[in-house]
Every structure is written in structure tokens, then in C-alpha cells.
Amino acid sequence: MHPVFLHPPTLQNNRSLLKPLGEEDFEGLVSIGLEPSLWQISSNKVDTREDLLRYLQTAIAQRKAGQSVPFTIIDKQTNSIAGCTRYGNIAFEHRKLEIGWTWLGVDYQKTGLNRACKYELLNYAFTVLDMQRVELKTDVLNTNSRQAMLKMGATEEGILRKHLITESGRSRDSVYYSILDSEWPAIKQRVFAQYASNSTADL
């Protein structure tokens, strides 16, 4: 199993800290994670504490199985738990992975925190994990997420029709985006320069 699953990194800059997700984060996450708008167009159905605990336990189990690397997001401005994100669909043989499963509490949205987190995840994927492709996807209905992906320099590649059936039973169309290793240096300077100078990773 790759070391990133056994010893996930802690990634941080002046705005965000990403730590390996643990069950000790549950109370902090549940305090912000039961807002219905967070899951309205998600593929997951999270209505109760039990739903969110199952969501977190599934993510941790996937890490132990070598399938994903989930993180808890800390907002360093308030020193509070702000949400979750992860690496998934990791294929080292093809040098690619996906960044996704990201949600932030309502008070942390549109504050710059998501972009700070994405910088850390992208930079680690390209410079440490030596990926040549990072994928991102979202529901075609999620206009905020789609706009955010374009603003961070990702290229829209196309729509997969009836790609998923959500836990609520809806057939979802997914839109895919990507950033390539050859594109990363320019995107890093153009979009993420404010974080590049103070980023650290504890392996």
C-alpha cells in the first residue's frame, strides 16, 4: 500500500490546514454539517448525526483500504473545523487522482478557504505524489462548484450523462474538469500565488 494511505500528510498555508480525517473530528463536523443546503444536490444523503457519522466512517474505511485519502479542513483564521475534502479514485499506475467530496460549512463558503485548500491538494498531488493529471467533477446542477473549478484554472472536459444515482434516487449528470502537470506551474502562479510562499507539508 502506498505511504500516502498509511501516513497521510498534514497540509497547510496561512489560511487553511488539512489534517487526516479522524473520528475525533466528528463533533466539530456535525456542528456545521447538518445544514440541508450542503447536501441538497449531493450524491450523499445526510440528514442526521448518524448519516454524517456513516459518511465519515466510510471515508476512513476507504483510506484503510487504500482507496482514498480524506482530510478535515481547519480554518486557521478562526481555528475551527470547517468541513471535509479528499483524494479519491487514485491510480498511481496512471499517475492520476481526483480531488473532491468537498463540503464546507455555510459560514466558510465564499471566504477564500476552499481555494486555499485546493492549492494544498493540487500542489501535493503534482509535486510530491508526481501525478500528471488531477480530476475534479461535480453535479451539472452545482453552478457554484462549476464556476469555482473554472476560476482555479481547471479545464472543463465534458458531461457524463446519468453518471450516478444519488442516495436520494436521482439520476445525476456529472461534469468533469482536469488540471495537468504541464499546466500546474502557470496556474500556481496565476491563481494561487498568495498561498505558494507559505505552504508547508508535514509528511
C-alpha atoms as a PDB file:
ATOM      1  CA  MET A   1       0.000   0.000   0.000  1.00  0.00           C
ATOM      2  CA  HIS A   2       1.272   3.462  -0.876  1.00  0.00           C
ATOM      3  CA  PRO A   3       2.609   5.504   2.100  1.00  0.00           C
ATOM      4  CA  VAL A   4       0.050   8.278   1.487  1.00  0.00           C
ATOM      5  CA  PHE A   5      -2.656   5.914   2.796  1.00  0.00           C
ATOM      6  CA  LEU A   6      -0.622   4.713   5.776  1.00  0.00           C
ATOM      7  CA  HIS A   7       0.751   8.118   6.765  1.00  0.00           C
ATOM      8  CA  PRO A   8      -1.412  10.850   5.229  1.00  0.00           C
ATOM      9  CA  PRO A   9       0.185  14.290   5.182  1.00  0.00           C
ATOM     10  CA  THR A  10      -0.911  17.381   7.033  1.00  0.00           C
ATOM     11  CA  LEU A  11      -1.017  20.301   4.587  1.00  0.00           C
ATOM     12  CA  GLN A  12      -1.242  23.965   5.500  1.00  0.00           C
ATOM     13  CA  ASN A  13      -0.762  27.554   4.491  1.00  0.00           C
ATOM     14  CA  ASN A  14      -1.650  30.866   6.137  1.00  0.00           C
ATOM     15  CA  ARG A  15      -5.379  30.251   5.635  1.00  0.00           C
ATOM     16  CA  SER A  16      -6.086  26.520   5.740  1.00  0.00           C
ATOM     17  CA  LEU A  17      -4.948  23.368   7.484  1.00  0.00           C
ATOM     18  CA  LEU A  18      -5.808  19.933   6.139  1.00  0.00           C
ATOM     19  CA  LYS A  19      -5.363  17.109   8.635  1.00  0.00           C
ATOM     20  CA  PRO A  20      -6.086  13.398   8.157  1.00  0.00           C
ATOM     21  CA  LEU A  21      -9.765  12.810   8.923  1.00  0.00           C
ATOM     22  CA  GLY A  22     -10.373  11.052  12.227  1.00  0.00           C
ATOM     23  CA  GLU A  23     -13.429  10.120  14.264  1.00  0.00           C
ATOM     24  CA  GLU A  24     -12.282  12.658  16.860  1.00  0.00           C
ATOM     25  CA  ASP A  25     -13.361  15.335  14.359  1.00  0.00           C
ATOM     26  CA  PHE A  26     -16.979  14.161  14.359  1.00  0.00           C
ATOM     27  CA  GLU A  27     -18.450  16.616  16.872  1.00  0.00           C
ATOM     28  CA  GLY A  28     -16.829  19.559  15.138  1.00  0.00           C
ATOM     29  CA  LEU A  29     -18.077  18.397  11.773  1.00  0.00           C
ATOM     30  CA  VAL A  30     -21.589  17.584  12.920  1.00  0.00           C
ATOM     31  CA  SER A  31     -21.932  21.096  14.359  1.00  0.00           C
ATOM     32  CA  ILE A  32     -21.714  22.514  10.818  1.00  0.00           C
ATOM     33  CA  GLY A  33     -22.575  19.523   8.643  1.00  0.00           C
ATOM     34  CA  LEU A  34     -26.323  19.055   9.093  1.00  0.00           C
ATOM     35  CA  GLU A  35     -27.336  22.180   7.186  1.00  0.00           C
ATOM     36  CA  PRO A  36     -29.725  20.855   4.478  1.00  0.00           C
ATOM     37  CA  SER A  37     -28.339  23.147   1.768  1.00  0.00           C
ATOM     38  CA  LEU A  38     -24.952  21.366   1.963  1.00  0.00           C
ATOM     39  CA  TRP A  39     -26.460  18.112   0.719  1.00  0.00           C
ATOM     40  CA  GLN A  40     -29.302  19.376  -1.463  1.00  0.00           C
ATOM     41  CA  ILE A  41     -27.582  18.378  -4.730  1.00  0.00           C
ATOM     42  CA  SER A  42     -25.028  15.980  -3.258  1.00  0.00           C
ATOM     43  CA  SER A  43     -24.863  12.326  -4.198  1.00  0.00           C
ATOM     44  CA  ASN A  44     -24.928  11.598  -0.455  1.00  0.00           C
ATOM     45  CA  LYS A  45     -27.978  11.846   1.789  1.00  0.00           C
ATOM     46  CA  VAL A  46     -27.065  13.394   5.133  1.00  0.00           C
ATOM     47  CA  ASP A  47     -29.984  14.362   7.342  1.00  0.00           C
ATOM     48  CA  THR A  48     -28.949  13.132  10.792  1.00  0.00           C
ATOM     49  CA  ARG A  49     -25.930  12.701  13.059  1.00  0.00           C
ATOM     50  CA  GLU A  50     -25.990   9.023  12.197  1.00  0.00           C
ATOM     51  CA  ASP A  51     -25.858   9.798   8.465  1.00  0.00           C
ATOM     52  CA  LEU A  52     -22.829  12.034   8.912  1.00  0.00           C
ATOM     53  CA  LEU A  53     -21.067   9.509  11.149  1.00  0.00           C
ATOM     54  CA  ARG A  54     -21.603   6.842   8.498  1.00  0.00           C
ATOM     55  CA  TYR A  55     -20.236   9.223   5.844  1.00  0.00           C
ATOM     56  CA  LEU A  56     -17.073   9.817   7.884  1.00  0.00           C
ATOM     57  CA  GLN A  57     -16.608   6.171   8.823  1.00  0.00           C
ATOM     58  CA  THR A  58     -16.905   5.187   5.160  1.00  0.00           C
ATOM     59  CA  ALA A  59     -14.202   7.702   4.226  1.00  0.00           C
ATOM     60  CA  ILE A  60     -11.872   6.417   6.957  1.00  0.00           C
ATOM     61  CA  ALA A  61     -12.510   2.809   5.907  1.00  0.00           C
ATOM     62  CA  GLN A  62     -11.643   3.702   2.323  1.00  0.00           C
ATOM     63  CA  ARG A  63      -8.339   5.167   3.487  1.00  0.00           C
ATOM     64  CA  LYS A  64      -7.530   1.958   5.370  1.00  0.00           C
ATOM     65  CA  ALA A  65      -8.364   0.009   2.201  1.00  0.00           C
ATOM     66  CA  GLY A  66      -6.078   2.185   0.068  1.00  0.00           C
ATOM     67  CA  GLN A  67      -8.921   3.796  -1.879  1.00  0.00           C
ATOM     68  CA  SER A  68      -8.986   7.443  -0.757  1.00  0.00           C
ATOM     69  CA  VAL A  69      -7.275   9.971   1.499  1.00  0.00           C
ATOM     70  CA  PRO A  70      -9.831  12.084   3.404  1.00  0.00           C
ATOM     71  CA  PHE A  71      -8.983  15.313   5.223  1.00  0.00           C
ATOM     72  CA  THR A  72     -10.639  17.512   7.822  1.00  0.00           C
ATOM     73  CA  ILE A  73     -10.468  21.196   6.866  1.00  0.00           C
ATOM     74  CA  ILE A  74      -9.463  23.680   9.574  1.00  0.00           C
ATOM     75  CA  ASP A  75      -9.969  27.416   9.042  1.00  0.00           C
ATOM     76  CA  LYS A  76      -6.812  28.967  10.513  1.00  0.00           C
ATOM     77  CA  GLN A  77      -8.470  32.382  10.821  1.00  0.00           C
ATOM     78  CA  THR A  78     -10.896  31.028  13.400  1.00  0.00           C
ATOM     79  CA  ASN A  79      -9.032  27.826  14.382  1.00  0.00           C
ATOM     80  CA  SER A  80     -12.237  25.878  13.815  1.00  0.00           C
ATOM     81  CA  ILE A  81     -13.301  22.814  11.860  1.00  0.00           C
ATOM     82  CA  ALA A  82     -14.799  23.990   8.587  1.00  0.00           C
ATOM     83  CA  GLY A  83     -15.511  20.863   6.519  1.00  0.00           C
ATOM     84  CA  CYS A  84     -14.059  17.886   4.663  1.00  0.00           C
ATOM     85  CA  THR A  85     -12.333  17.027   1.391  1.00  0.00           C
ATOM     86  CA  ARG A  86     -10.368  14.103  -0.024  1.00  0.00           C
ATOM     87  CA  TYR A  87      -8.255  12.485  -2.679  1.00  0.00           C
ATOM     88  CA  GLY A  88     -10.108   9.646  -4.393  1.00  0.00           C
ATOM     89  CA  ASN A  89     -10.084   7.461  -7.487  1.00  0.00           C
ATOM     90  CA  ILE A  90      -6.315   7.260  -7.102  1.00  0.00           C
ATOM     91  CA  ALA A  91      -4.464   5.362  -9.851  1.00  0.00           C
ATOM     92  CA  PHE A  92      -0.711   5.545  -9.304  1.00  0.00           C
ATOM     93  CA  GLU A  93      -0.076   3.409 -12.378  1.00  0.00           C
ATOM     94  CA  HIS A  94      -1.694   6.113 -14.488  1.00  0.00           C
ATOM     95  CA  ARG A  95      -0.401   9.000 -12.350  1.00  0.00           C
ATOM     96  CA  LYS A  96      -3.839  10.436 -11.735  1.00  0.00           C
ATOM     97  CA  LEU A  97      -6.255  11.107  -8.902  1.00  0.00           C
ATOM     98  CA  GLU A  98      -9.412  13.050  -8.167  1.00  0.00           C
ATOM     99  CA  ILE A  99      -9.907  15.866  -5.679  1.00  0.00           C
ATOM    100  CA  GLY A 100     -13.457  16.033  -4.444  1.00  0.00           C
ATOM    101  CA  TRP A 101     -16.068  15.075  -1.862  1.00  0.00           C
ATOM    102  CA  THR A 102     -15.555  18.610  -0.589  1.00  0.00           C
ATOM    103  CA  TRP A 103     -18.032  20.399   1.629  1.00  0.00           C
ATOM    104  CA  LEU A 104     -17.675  23.478   3.801  1.00  0.00           C
ATOM    105  CA  GLY A 105     -19.983  24.809   6.480  1.00  0.00           C
ATOM    106  CA  VAL A 106     -22.145  27.677   5.274  1.00  0.00           C
ATOM    107  CA  ASP A 107     -20.161  30.304   7.206  1.00  0.00           C
ATOM    108  CA  TYR A 108     -16.925  29.219   5.461  1.00  0.00           C
ATOM    109  CA  GLN A 109     -18.209  29.315   1.905  1.00  0.00           C
ATOM    110  CA  LYS A 110     -17.080  32.092  -0.453  1.00  0.00           C
ATOM    111  CA  THR A 111     -14.399  33.200   2.027  1.00  0.00           C
ATOM    112  CA  GLY A 112     -11.332  32.005   0.100  1.00  0.00           C
ATOM    113  CA  LEU A 113     -10.924  28.927   2.291  1.00  0.00           C
ATOM    114  CA  ASN A 114     -11.835  26.470  -0.472  1.00  0.00           C
ATOM    115  CA  ARG A 115      -9.223  27.927  -2.816  1.00  0.00           C
ATOM    116  CA  ALA A 116      -6.574  27.759  -0.084  1.00  0.00           C
ATOM    117  CA  CYS A 117      -7.398  24.078   0.424  1.00  0.00           C
ATOM    118  CA  LYS A 118      -7.374  23.320  -3.286  1.00  0.00           C
ATOM    119  CA  TYR A 119      -3.911  24.830  -3.599  1.00  0.00           C
ATOM    120  CA  GLU A 120      -2.517  22.456  -0.979  1.00  0.00           C
ATOM    121  CA  LEU A 121      -4.167  19.413  -2.513  1.00  0.00           C
ATOM    122  CA  LEU A 122      -3.101  20.272  -6.052  1.00  0.00           C
ATOM    123  CA  ASN A 123       0.451  21.159  -5.125  1.00  0.00           C
ATOM    124  CA  TYR A 124       0.957  17.976  -3.109  1.00  0.00           C
ATOM    125  CA  ALA A 125      -0.549  15.865  -5.880  1.00  0.00           C
ATOM    126  CA  PHE A 126       1.783  17.268  -8.531  1.00  0.00           C
ATOM    127  CA  THR A 127       4.996  17.882  -6.584  1.00  0.00           C
ATOM    128  CA  VAL A 128       5.036  15.023  -4.066  1.00  0.00           C
ATOM    129  CA  LEU A 129       2.781  12.303  -5.458  1.00  0.00           C
ATOM    130  CA  ASP A 130       4.071  13.003  -9.015  1.00  0.00           C
ATOM    131  CA  MET A 131       0.652  12.945 -10.640  1.00  0.00           C
ATOM    132  CA  GLN A 132       0.261  14.003 -14.257  1.00  0.00           C
ATOM    133  CA  ARG A 133      -3.488  14.561 -14.053  1.00  0.00           C
ATOM    134  CA  VAL A 134      -5.837  15.770 -11.327  1.00  0.00           C
ATOM    135  CA  GLU A 135      -9.554  15.355 -11.941  1.00  0.00           C
ATOM    136  CA  LEU A 136     -12.463  17.232 -10.416  1.00  0.00           C
ATOM    137  CA  LYS A 137     -16.141  16.567 -11.002  1.00  0.00           C
ATOM    138  CA  THR A 138     -19.447  17.902  -9.830  1.00  0.00           C
ATOM    139  CA  ASP A 139     -23.168  17.705 -10.444  1.00  0.00           C
ATOM    140  CA  VAL A 140     -24.149  19.705 -13.523  1.00  0.00           C
ATOM    141  CA  LEU A 141     -26.689  21.459 -11.278  1.00  0.00           C
ATOM    142  CA  ASN A 142     -23.971  22.734  -8.942  1.00  0.00           C
ATOM    143  CA  THR A 143     -23.268  26.059 -10.623  1.00  0.00           C
ATOM    144  CA  ASN A 144     -21.207  27.415  -7.713  1.00  0.00           C
ATOM    145  CA  SER A 145     -18.835  24.458  -7.831  1.00  0.00           C
ATOM    146  CA  ARG A 146     -18.559  24.622 -11.608  1.00  0.00           C
ATOM    147  CA  GLN A 147     -17.649  28.305 -11.507  1.00  0.00           C
ATOM    148  CA  ALA A 148     -15.085  27.697  -8.759  1.00  0.00           C
ATOM    149  CA  MET A 149     -13.361  24.963 -10.786  1.00  0.00           C
ATOM    150  CA  LEU A 150     -13.068  27.214 -13.818  1.00  0.00           C
ATOM    151  CA  LYS A 151     -11.748  30.097 -11.706  1.00  0.00           C
ATOM    152  CA  MET A 152      -8.997  27.885 -10.306  1.00  0.00           C
ATOM    153  CA  GLY A 153      -7.786  27.144 -13.823  1.00  0.00           C
ATOM    154  CA  ALA A 154      -9.318  23.724 -14.432  1.00  0.00           C
ATOM    155  CA  THR A 155     -10.416  22.761 -17.959  1.00  0.00           C
ATOM    156  CA  GLU A 156     -13.982  21.552 -18.461  1.00  0.00           C
ATOM    157  CA  GLU A 157     -13.837  18.264 -20.358  1.00  0.00           C
ATOM    158  CA  GLY A 158     -17.436  17.200 -20.745  1.00  0.00           C
ATOM    159  CA  ILE A 159     -20.603  15.840 -19.199  1.00  0.00           C
ATOM    160  CA  LEU A 160     -21.236  12.211 -18.331  1.00  0.00           C
ATOM    161  CA  ARG A 161     -24.988  11.735 -18.639  1.00  0.00           C
ATOM    162  CA  LYS A 162     -26.789   9.705 -15.973  1.00  0.00           C
ATOM    163  CA  HIS A 163     -23.390   9.151 -14.407  1.00  0.00           C
ATOM    164  CA  LEU A 164     -24.575   8.429 -10.858  1.00  0.00           C
ATOM    165  CA  ILE A 165     -27.696   7.561  -8.950  1.00  0.00           C
ATOM    166  CA  THR A 166     -27.670   9.625  -5.794  1.00  0.00           C
ATOM    167  CA  GLU A 167     -28.654   8.239  -2.401  1.00  0.00           C
ATOM    168  CA  SER A 168     -31.934  10.105  -2.792  1.00  0.00           C
ATOM    169  CA  GLY A 169     -32.605   8.188  -6.027  1.00  0.00           C
ATOM    170  CA  ARG A 170     -31.987  10.989  -8.550  1.00  0.00           C
ATOM    171  CA  SER A 171     -30.065  10.233 -11.753  1.00  0.00           C
ATOM    172  CA  ARG A 172     -27.184  12.722 -11.820  1.00  0.00           C
ATOM    173  CA  ASP A 173     -25.266  14.090 -14.765  1.00  0.00           C
ATOM    174  CA  SER A 174     -21.651  14.805 -13.816  1.00  0.00           C
ATOM    175  CA  VAL A 175     -19.351  17.364 -15.403  1.00  0.00           C
ATOM    176  CA  TYR A 176     -15.610  16.634 -15.400  1.00  0.00           C
ATOM    177  CA  TYR A 177     -12.694  19.048 -15.119  1.00  0.00           C
ATOM    178  CA  SER A 178      -8.954  18.483 -15.025  1.00  0.00           C
ATOM    179  CA  ILE A 179      -5.598  20.132 -14.415  1.00  0.00           C
ATOM    180  CA  LEU A 180      -2.439  18.608 -15.924  1.00  0.00           C
ATOM    181  CA  ASP A 181       1.099  18.647 -14.591  1.00  0.00           C
ATOM    182  CA  SER A 182       2.198  20.722 -17.574  1.00  0.00           C
ATOM    183  CA  GLU A 183      -0.423  23.344 -16.692  1.00  0.00           C
ATOM    184  CA  TRP A 184       0.230  23.467 -12.972  1.00  0.00           C
ATOM    185  CA  PRO A 185       3.238  25.871 -12.843  1.00  0.00           C
ATOM    186  CA  ALA A 186       1.345  28.607 -14.688  1.00  0.00           C
ATOM    187  CA  ILE A 187      -1.879  28.039 -12.728  1.00  0.00           C
ATOM    188  CA  LYS A 188       0.077  28.040  -9.480  1.00  0.00           C
ATOM    189  CA  GLN A 189       1.490  31.482 -10.226  1.00  0.00           C
ATOM    190  CA  ARG A 190      -1.667  32.936 -11.760  1.00  0.00           C
ATOM    191  CA  VAL A 191      -4.299  31.660  -9.337  1.00  0.00           C
ATOM    192  CA  PHE A 192      -2.568  30.547  -6.144  1.00  0.00           C
ATOM    193  CA  ALA A 193       0.462  32.830  -5.706  1.00  0.00           C
ATOM    194  CA  GLN A 194      -0.786  34.130  -2.341  1.00  0.00           C
ATOM    195  CA  TYR A 195      -0.532  30.629  -0.847  1.00  0.00           C
ATOM    196  CA  ALA A 196       2.570  29.313  -2.598  1.00  0.00           C
ATOM    197  CA  SER A 197       5.025  31.247  -0.440  1.00  0.00           C
ATOM    198  CA  ASN A 198       3.780  29.968   2.927  1.00  0.00           C
ATOM    199  CA  SER A 199       2.752  26.396   2.210  1.00  0.00           C
ATOM    200  CA  THR A 200       4.109  23.516   4.273  1.00  0.00           C
ATOM    201  CA  ALA A 201       3.521  19.776   4.349  1.00  0.00           C
ATOM    202  CA  ASP A 202       4.218  17.524   7.333  1.00  0.00           C
ATOM    203  CA  LEU A 203       4.720  14.042   5.922  1.00  0.00           C
END
